[in-house]
Each structure stands twice: as structure tokens, then as C-alpha cells.
C-alpha atoms as a PDB file:
ATOM      1  CA  MET A   1     143.333 127.922 125.607  1.00  0.00           C
ATOM      2  CA  THR A   2     143.421 127.327 129.368  1.00  0.00           C
ATOM      3  CA  TRP A   3     139.790 126.213 129.369  1.00  0.00           C
ATOM      4  CA  LYS A   4     140.484 123.583 126.661  1.00  0.00           C
ATOM      5  CA  TRP A   5     143.515 122.352 128.527  1.00  0.00           C
ATOM      6  CA  SER A   6     141.574 121.996 131.788  1.00  0.00           C
ATOM      7  CA  ARG A   7     138.750 120.234 129.925  1.00  0.00           C
ATOM      8  CA  ASN A   8     141.263 117.756 128.434  1.00  0.00           C
ATOM      9  CA  PHE A   9     142.763 117.310 131.892  1.00  0.00           C
ATOM     10  CA  TRP A  10     139.334 116.499 133.326  1.00  0.00           C
ATOM     11  CA  LEU A  11     138.565 114.085 130.444  1.00  0.00           C
ATOM     12  CA  SER A  12     141.856 112.207 130.916  1.00  0.00           C
ATOM     13  CA  GLY A  13     141.047 111.799 134.631  1.00  0.00           C
ATOM     14  CA  THR A  14     137.619 110.411 133.707  1.00  0.00           C
ATOM     15  CA  GLU A  15     139.209 108.006 131.224  1.00  0.00           C
ATOM     16  CA  THR A  16     141.584 106.809 133.945  1.00  0.00           C
ATOM     17  CA  LEU A  17     138.660 106.131 136.264  1.00  0.00           C
ATOM     18  CA  GLU A  18     136.836 104.283 133.479  1.00  0.00           C
ATOM     19  CA  LEU A  19     139.963 102.218 132.799  1.00  0.00           C
ATOM     20  CA  ALA A  20     140.282 101.385 136.497  1.00  0.00           C
ATOM     21  CA  ALA A  21     136.583 100.413 136.590  1.00  0.00           C
ATOM     22  CA  ARG A  22     136.985  98.162 133.539  1.00  0.00           C
ATOM     23  CA  ILE A  23     140.070  96.524 135.012  1.00  0.00           C
ATOM     24  CA  GLY A  24     138.180  95.978 138.265  1.00  0.00           C
ATOM     25  CA  GLN A  25     135.212  94.457 136.443  1.00  0.00           C
ATOM     26  CA  SER A  26     137.542  92.227 134.437  1.00  0.00           C
ATOM     27  CA  LEU A  27     139.221  91.016 137.630  1.00  0.00           C
ATOM     28  CA  LEU A  28     135.856  90.376 139.277  1.00  0.00           C
ATOM     29  CA  HIS A  29     134.681  88.402 136.241  1.00  0.00           C
ATOM     30  CA  ARG A  30     137.901  86.358 136.159  1.00  0.00           C
ATOM     31  CA  ASN A  31     137.620  85.730 139.913  1.00  0.00           C
ATOM     32  CA  HIS A  32     134.003  84.574 139.465  1.00  0.00           C
ATOM     33  CA  LEU A  33     135.015  82.145 136.695  1.00  0.00           C
ATOM     34  CA  LEU A  34     137.838  80.756 138.807  1.00  0.00           C
ATOM     35  CA  GLN A  35     135.493  80.315 141.779  1.00  0.00           C
ATOM     36  CA  GLU A  36     133.016  78.398 139.592  1.00  0.00           C
ATOM     37  CA  ARG A  37     135.826  76.179 138.315  1.00  0.00           C
ATOM     38  CA  ASN A  38     137.031  75.610 141.872  1.00  0.00           C
ATOM     39  CA  GLU A  39     133.505  74.661 143.017  1.00  0.00           C
ATOM     40  CA  ALA A  40     133.173  72.190 140.131  1.00  0.00           C
ATOM     41  CA  LEU A  41     136.489  70.563 141.081  1.00  0.00           C
ATOM     42  CA  GLU A  42     135.406  70.379 144.734  1.00  0.00           C
ATOM     43  CA  GLU A  43     132.178  68.679 143.673  1.00  0.00           C
ATOM     44  CA  GLN A  44     134.105  66.155 141.555  1.00  0.00           C
ATOM     45  CA  LEU A  45     136.411  65.522 144.484  1.00  0.00           C
ATOM     46  CA  ALA A  46     133.465  64.933 146.841  1.00  0.00           C
ATOM     47  CA  GLN A  47     131.934  62.474 144.369  1.00  0.00           C
ATOM     48  CA  ALA A  48     135.243  60.644 143.998  1.00  0.00           C
ATOM     49  CA  LEU A  49     135.608  60.434 147.786  1.00  0.00           C
ATOM     50  CA  ASP A  50     132.058  59.085 148.109  1.00  0.00           C
ATOM     51  CA  GLN A  51     132.833  56.457 145.493  1.00  0.00           C
ATOM     52  CA  VAL A  52     136.070  55.523 147.292  1.00  0.00           C
ATOM     53  CA  HIS A  53     134.183  55.097 150.583  1.00  0.00           C
ATOM     54  CA  GLN A  54     131.501  53.021 148.890  1.00  0.00           C
ATOM     55  CA  LEU A  55     134.097  50.775 147.243  1.00  0.00           C
ATOM     56  CA  GLN A  56     135.965  50.378 150.524  1.00  0.00           C
ATOM     57  CA  HIS A  57     132.716  49.319 152.201  1.00  0.00           C
ATOM     58  CA  GLU A  58     131.982  46.809 149.422  1.00  0.00           C
ATOM     59  CA  LEU A  59     135.545  45.559 149.638  1.00  0.00           C
ATOM     60  CA  SER A  60     135.314  44.933 153.382  1.00  0.00           C
ATOM     61  CA  LYS A  61     132.018  43.048 152.916  1.00  0.00           C
ATOM     62  CA  LYS A  62     133.556  40.896 150.192  1.00  0.00           C
ATOM     63  CA  ASP A  63     136.662  40.292 152.312  1.00  0.00           C
ATOM     64  CA  GLU A  64     134.409  39.081 155.101  1.00  0.00           C
ATOM     65  CA  LEU A  65     132.527  36.794 152.711  1.00  0.00           C
ATOM     66  CA  LEU A  66     135.814  35.528 151.301  1.00  0.00           C
ATOM     67  CA  ARG A  67     137.080  34.665 154.783  1.00  0.00           C
ATOM     68  CA  MET A  68     133.833  32.829 155.523  1.00  0.00           C
ATOM     69  CA  VAL A  69     134.065  30.819 152.298  1.00  0.00           C
ATOM     70  CA  ALA A  70     137.753  30.048 152.898  1.00  0.00           C
ATOM     71  CA  SER A  71     136.971  28.960 156.438  1.00  0.00           C
ATOM     72  CA  ALA A  72     134.122  26.743 155.242  1.00  0.00           C
ATOM     73  CA  SER A  73     136.395  25.285 152.559  1.00  0.00           C
ATOM     74  CA  GLU A  74     139.122  24.528 155.111  1.00  0.00           C
ATOM     75  CA  GLU A  75     136.600  22.915 157.447  1.00  0.00           C
ATOM     76  CA  SER A  76     135.292  20.828 154.569  1.00  0.00           C
ATOM     77  CA  GLU A  77     138.811  19.714 153.648  1.00  0.00           C
ATOM     78  CA  THR A  78     139.611  18.950 157.289  1.00  0.00           C
ATOM     79  CA  ASP A  79     136.416  16.961 157.682  1.00  0.00           C
ATOM     80  CA  SER A  80     137.107  14.951 154.535  1.00  0.00           C
ATOM     81  CA  SER A  81     140.761  14.272 155.429  1.00  0.00           C
ATOM     82  CA  VAL A  82     139.989  12.980 158.919  1.00  0.00           C
ATOM     83  CA  SER A  83     138.974   9.367 158.773  1.00  0.00           C
ATOM     84  CA  THR A  84     137.703   7.497 161.735  1.00  0.00           C
ATOM     85  CA  PRO A  85     137.270   3.773 161.795  1.00  0.00           C
ATOM     86  CA  LEU A  86     133.857   4.104 163.404  1.00  0.00           C
ATOM     87  CA  ARG A  87     132.585   6.347 160.604  1.00  0.00           C
ATOM     88  CA  GLN A  88     129.991   4.778 158.454  1.00  0.00           C
ATOM     89  CA  PRO A  89     130.397   5.055 154.693  1.00  0.00           C
ATOM     90  CA  LEU A  90     128.384   7.826 153.022  1.00  0.00           C
ATOM     91  CA  PRO A  91     125.763   6.963 150.515  1.00  0.00           C
ATOM     92  CA  PRO A  92     127.141   7.026 146.934  1.00  0.00           C
ATOM     93  CA  GLY A  93     125.287  10.227 145.845  1.00  0.00           C
ATOM     94  CA  THR A  94     126.400  12.189 148.907  1.00  0.00           C
ATOM     95  CA  THR A  95     130.096  12.158 147.983  1.00  0.00           C
ATOM     96  CA  ALA A  96     129.377  13.434 144.496  1.00  0.00           C
ATOM     97  CA  ALA A  97     127.141  16.192 145.885  1.00  0.00           C
ATOM     98  CA  ALA A  98     129.794  17.197 148.431  1.00  0.00           C
ATOM     99  CA  LEU A  99     132.462  17.293 145.704  1.00  0.00           C
ATOM    100  CA  SER A 100     130.176  19.303 143.466  1.00  0.00           C
ATOM    101  CA  GLN A 101     129.470  21.766 146.263  1.00  0.00           C
ATOM    102  CA  LEU A 102     133.182  21.993 147.077  1.00  0.00           C
ATOM    103  CA  GLU A 103     134.009  22.706 143.420  1.00  0.00           C
ATOM    104  CA  TYR A 104     131.283  25.357 143.343  1.00  0.00           C
ATOM    105  CA  LEU A 105     132.632  26.967 146.524  1.00  0.00           C
ATOM    106  CA  GLN A 106     136.184  26.904 145.151  1.00  0.00           C
ATOM    107  CA  SER A 107     135.109  28.527 141.878  1.00  0.00           C
ATOM    108  CA  LYS A 108     133.087  31.099 143.831  1.00  0.00           C
ATOM    109  CA  LEU A 109     136.124  31.711 146.029  1.00  0.00           C
ATOM    110  CA  GLN A 110     138.274  32.239 142.922  1.00  0.00           C
ATOM    111  CA  GLU A 111     135.717  34.695 141.489  1.00  0.00           C
ATOM    112  CA  LEU A 112     135.569  36.601 144.762  1.00  0.00           C
ATOM    113  CA  GLU A 113     139.363  36.778 144.972  1.00  0.00           C
ATOM    114  CA  GLU A 114     139.523  38.174 141.425  1.00  0.00           C
ATOM    115  CA  GLU A 115     136.749  40.660 142.153  1.00  0.00           C
ATOM    116  CA  ASN A 116     138.483  41.609 145.394  1.00  0.00           C
ATOM    117  CA  LEU A 117     141.709  42.251 143.503  1.00  0.00           C
ATOM    118  CA  SER A 118     139.820  44.309 140.921  1.00  0.00           C
ATOM    119  CA  LEU A 119     138.107  46.361 143.642  1.00  0.00           C
ATOM    120  CA  ARG A 120     141.404  46.972 145.410  1.00  0.00           C
ATOM    121  CA  SER A 121     142.914  48.143 142.141  1.00  0.00           C
ATOM    122  CA  GLU A 122     139.932  50.421 141.488  1.00  0.00           C
ATOM    123  CA  ALA A 123     140.124  51.805 145.046  1.00  0.00           C
ATOM    124  CA  CYS A 124     143.830  52.567 144.553  1.00  0.00           C
ATOM    125  CA  GLN A 125     143.061  54.303 141.257  1.00  0.00           C
ATOM    126  CA  LEU A 126     140.294  56.373 142.875  1.00  0.00           C
ATOM    127  CA  LYS A 127     142.604  57.311 145.724  1.00  0.00           C
ATOM    128  CA  SER A 128     145.229  58.374 143.190  1.00  0.00           C
ATOM    129  CA  ASP A 129     142.603  60.364 141.250  1.00  0.00           C
ATOM    130  CA  THR A 130     141.471  62.018 144.475  1.00  0.00           C
ATOM    131  CA  ILE A 131     145.018  63.070 145.289  1.00  0.00           C
ATOM    132  CA  THR A 132     145.409  64.397 141.735  1.00  0.00           C
ATOM    133  CA  TYR A 133     142.169  66.398 142.045  1.00  0.00           C
ATOM    134  CA  GLU A 134     143.306  67.819 145.378  1.00  0.00           C
ATOM    135  CA  GLU A 135     146.657  68.820 143.882  1.00  0.00           C
ATOM    136  CA  LYS A 136     144.924  70.424 140.881  1.00  0.00           C
ATOM    137  CA  GLU A 137     142.549  72.293 143.181  1.00  0.00           C
ATOM    138  CA  GLN A 138     145.425  73.520 145.322  1.00  0.00           C
ATOM    139  CA  GLN A 139     147.341  74.602 142.202  1.00  0.00           C
ATOM    140  CA  LEU A 140     144.245  76.382 140.870  1.00  0.00           C
ATOM    141  CA  VAL A 141     143.788  78.297 144.116  1.00  0.00           C
ATOM    142  CA  SER A 142     147.485  79.168 144.121  1.00  0.00           C
ATOM    143  CA  ASP A 143     147.279  80.346 140.485  1.00  0.00           C
ATOM    144  CA  CYS A 144     144.181  82.440 141.243  1.00  0.00           C
ATOM    145  CA  VAL A 145     145.867  84.120 144.193  1.00  0.00           C
ATOM    146  CA  LYS A 146     148.983  84.744 142.110  1.00  0.00           C
ATOM    147  CA  GLU A 147     146.956  86.233 139.227  1.00  0.00           C
ATOM    148  CA  LEU A 148     145.000  88.464 141.589  1.00  0.00           C
ATOM    149  CA  ARG A 149     148.185  89.675 143.276  1.00  0.00           C
ATOM    150  CA  GLU A 150     149.846  90.375 139.926  1.00  0.00           C
ATOM    151  CA  SER A 151     146.758  92.177 138.626  1.00  0.00           C
ATOM    152  CA  ASN A 152     146.459  94.203 141.826  1.00  0.00           C
ATOM    153  CA  SER A 153     150.159  95.107 141.715  1.00  0.00           C
ATOM    154  CA  GLN A 154     149.867  96.132 138.078  1.00  0.00           C
ATOM    155  CA  MET A 155     146.769  98.227 138.816  1.00  0.00           C
ATOM    156  CA  ILE A 156     148.503  99.891 141.768  1.00  0.00           C
ATOM    157  CA  VAL A 157     151.537 100.755 139.634  1.00  0.00           C
ATOM    158  CA  GLU A 158     149.312 102.097 136.832  1.00  0.00           C
ATOM    159  CA  LEU A 159     147.192 104.105 139.259  1.00  0.00           C
ATOM    160  CA  GLN A 160     150.284 105.504 141.020  1.00  0.00           C
ATOM    161  CA  HIS A 161     151.696 106.508 137.650  1.00  0.00           C
ATOM    162  CA  ARG A 162     148.402 108.117 136.687  1.00  0.00           C
ATOM    163  CA  VAL A 163     148.180 109.942 140.035  1.00  0.00           C
ATOM    164  CA  LYS A 164     151.664 111.366 139.434  1.00  0.00           C
ATOM    165  CA  GLU A 165     150.642 112.447 135.922  1.00  0.00           C
ATOM    166  CA  LEU A 166     147.479 114.049 137.266  1.00  0.00           C
ATOM    167  CA  ALA A 167     149.438 115.828 140.005  1.00  0.00           C
ATOM    168  CA  LEU A 168     151.832 117.227 137.381  1.00  0.00           C
ATOM    169  CA  GLU A 169     148.937 118.275 135.164  1.00  0.00           C
ATOM    170  CA  LYS A 170     147.227 119.882 138.159  1.00  0.00           C
ATOM    171  CA  GLU A 171     150.385 121.797 139.000  1.00  0.00           C
ATOM    172  CA  GLU A 172     150.712 122.928 135.365  1.00  0.00           C
ATOM    173  CA  LEU A 173     147.069 123.992 135.384  1.00  0.00           C
ATOM    174  CA  ARG A 174     147.608 125.948 138.603  1.00  0.00           C
ATOM    175  CA  ILE A 175     150.647 127.668 137.073  1.00  0.00           C
ATOM    176  CA  HIS A 176     148.703 128.493 133.876  1.00  0.00           C
ATOM    177  CA  LEU A 177     145.767 129.795 135.882  1.00  0.00           C
ATOM    178  CA  GLN A 178     148.098 131.899 138.036  1.00  0.00           C
ATOM    179  CA  ALA A 179     149.821 133.270 134.908  1.00  0.00           C
ATOM    180  CA  SER A 180     146.450 133.950 133.309  1.00  0.00           C
ATOM    181  CA  LYS A 181     145.273 135.767 136.436  1.00  0.00           C
ATOM    182  CA  THR A 182     148.494 137.772 136.580  1.00  0.00           C
ATOM    183  CA  LEU A 183     148.090 138.765 132.899  1.00  0.00           C
ATOM    184  CA  ARG A 184     144.460 139.708 133.488  1.00  0.00           C
ATOM    185  CA  ASP A 185     145.359 141.764 136.574  1.00  0.00           C
ATOM    186  CA  SER A 186     148.206 143.537 134.774  1.00  0.00           C
ATOM    187  CA  SER A 187     146.017 144.264 131.721  1.00  0.00           C
ATOM    188  CA  GLN A 188     143.298 145.720 133.976  1.00  0.00           C
ATOM    189  CA  GLN A 189     145.803 147.986 135.722  1.00  0.00           C
ATOM    190  CA  SER A 190     147.037 149.409 132.433  1.00  0.00           C
END
């Protein structure tokens, strides 16, 4: 009877170790999945930041072009509004060409202003998305740490409980072995 009890005691200790190993493997697997997810989010964030920088660069170039066109338009208007008595009249086709070019520049200016507004809006949206991704990444890391702490705490509590059980079983086994030895010694003396 004592041999069966000690065998069961040994088997329950092995099962505890197997359970601890499975829990550890499960935590490692979960940690690996969370790391992969975190890396994917970091990659998306890097791409979004690259796109934001590219759009900001394009926006500054278009702003510069817009200023140049506006400046040229103002100069053209200033030149046409200033009249000097010594100025000779322009040939008839020149005025029409200048007006046509001015209309073209004004329409181009309007297009560039609209595109500029659109790019600014897109840049704001990308910046907002970037902040959202950063917040999600930070929350994910926080959740991972929390899960790992909770899992570790739970494992520690379970292992402490199991260690206490094993200590009690060991003490019972020692008492049974001592009683068995005492019985054997007393039966040999009789």
C-alpha cells in the first residue's frame, strides 16, 4: 500500500511539472504572437510616417510654386494697372494672349490651392492615424505586460499551492514509511 501511495505521489508531481511546462509553452506562444502583432503595427506606423513626410515635402514644394504663381499674378496685375503716358499701345493680339495667359495662371492657381488644401487635409488625417497607431501600439504593449504579469502571478500561486500539497504528501509519506519501519522492526523482534 505504501509503494502505491508513493508511486501516486511521484506521478502527481510529474503531472504538476507537465502542467507548468504546458503553461510556460502557452505563455511563450502567446508572447510570440503578441510580438509579431507589435512588429506589424510598428511597420505600419513607419510606413504611415514615411507617407506623412513625403506628403509634407510635396506640400512645401506646392506651397513654393503657389507663392511663385501668386507673385507672378500680382506683378502682372500691377504691370497692367500702371499706365504711363509714354507707353506705346500693344499690338491687338498681345492683349488677348496676355489675358489668356493670366486666365490660365489664375485657373492653375485655383487648382493648386485646392490640391494644397486636399494635401493638408490628407496630412492631418495621416498624422491623426499615426497618433492612433501609436496609442494602439502602446495599449497593446501595456496589455501584453498585464497579461504576462497576471499569468505569472497565477502560475506562482498555483505552484506555491502545489508545493504545499507536495510538502504535505511528503510528510505523510515520511510518517507512513516511519510507521511501516516501526511495524517491521517490531514484527522482527517478536
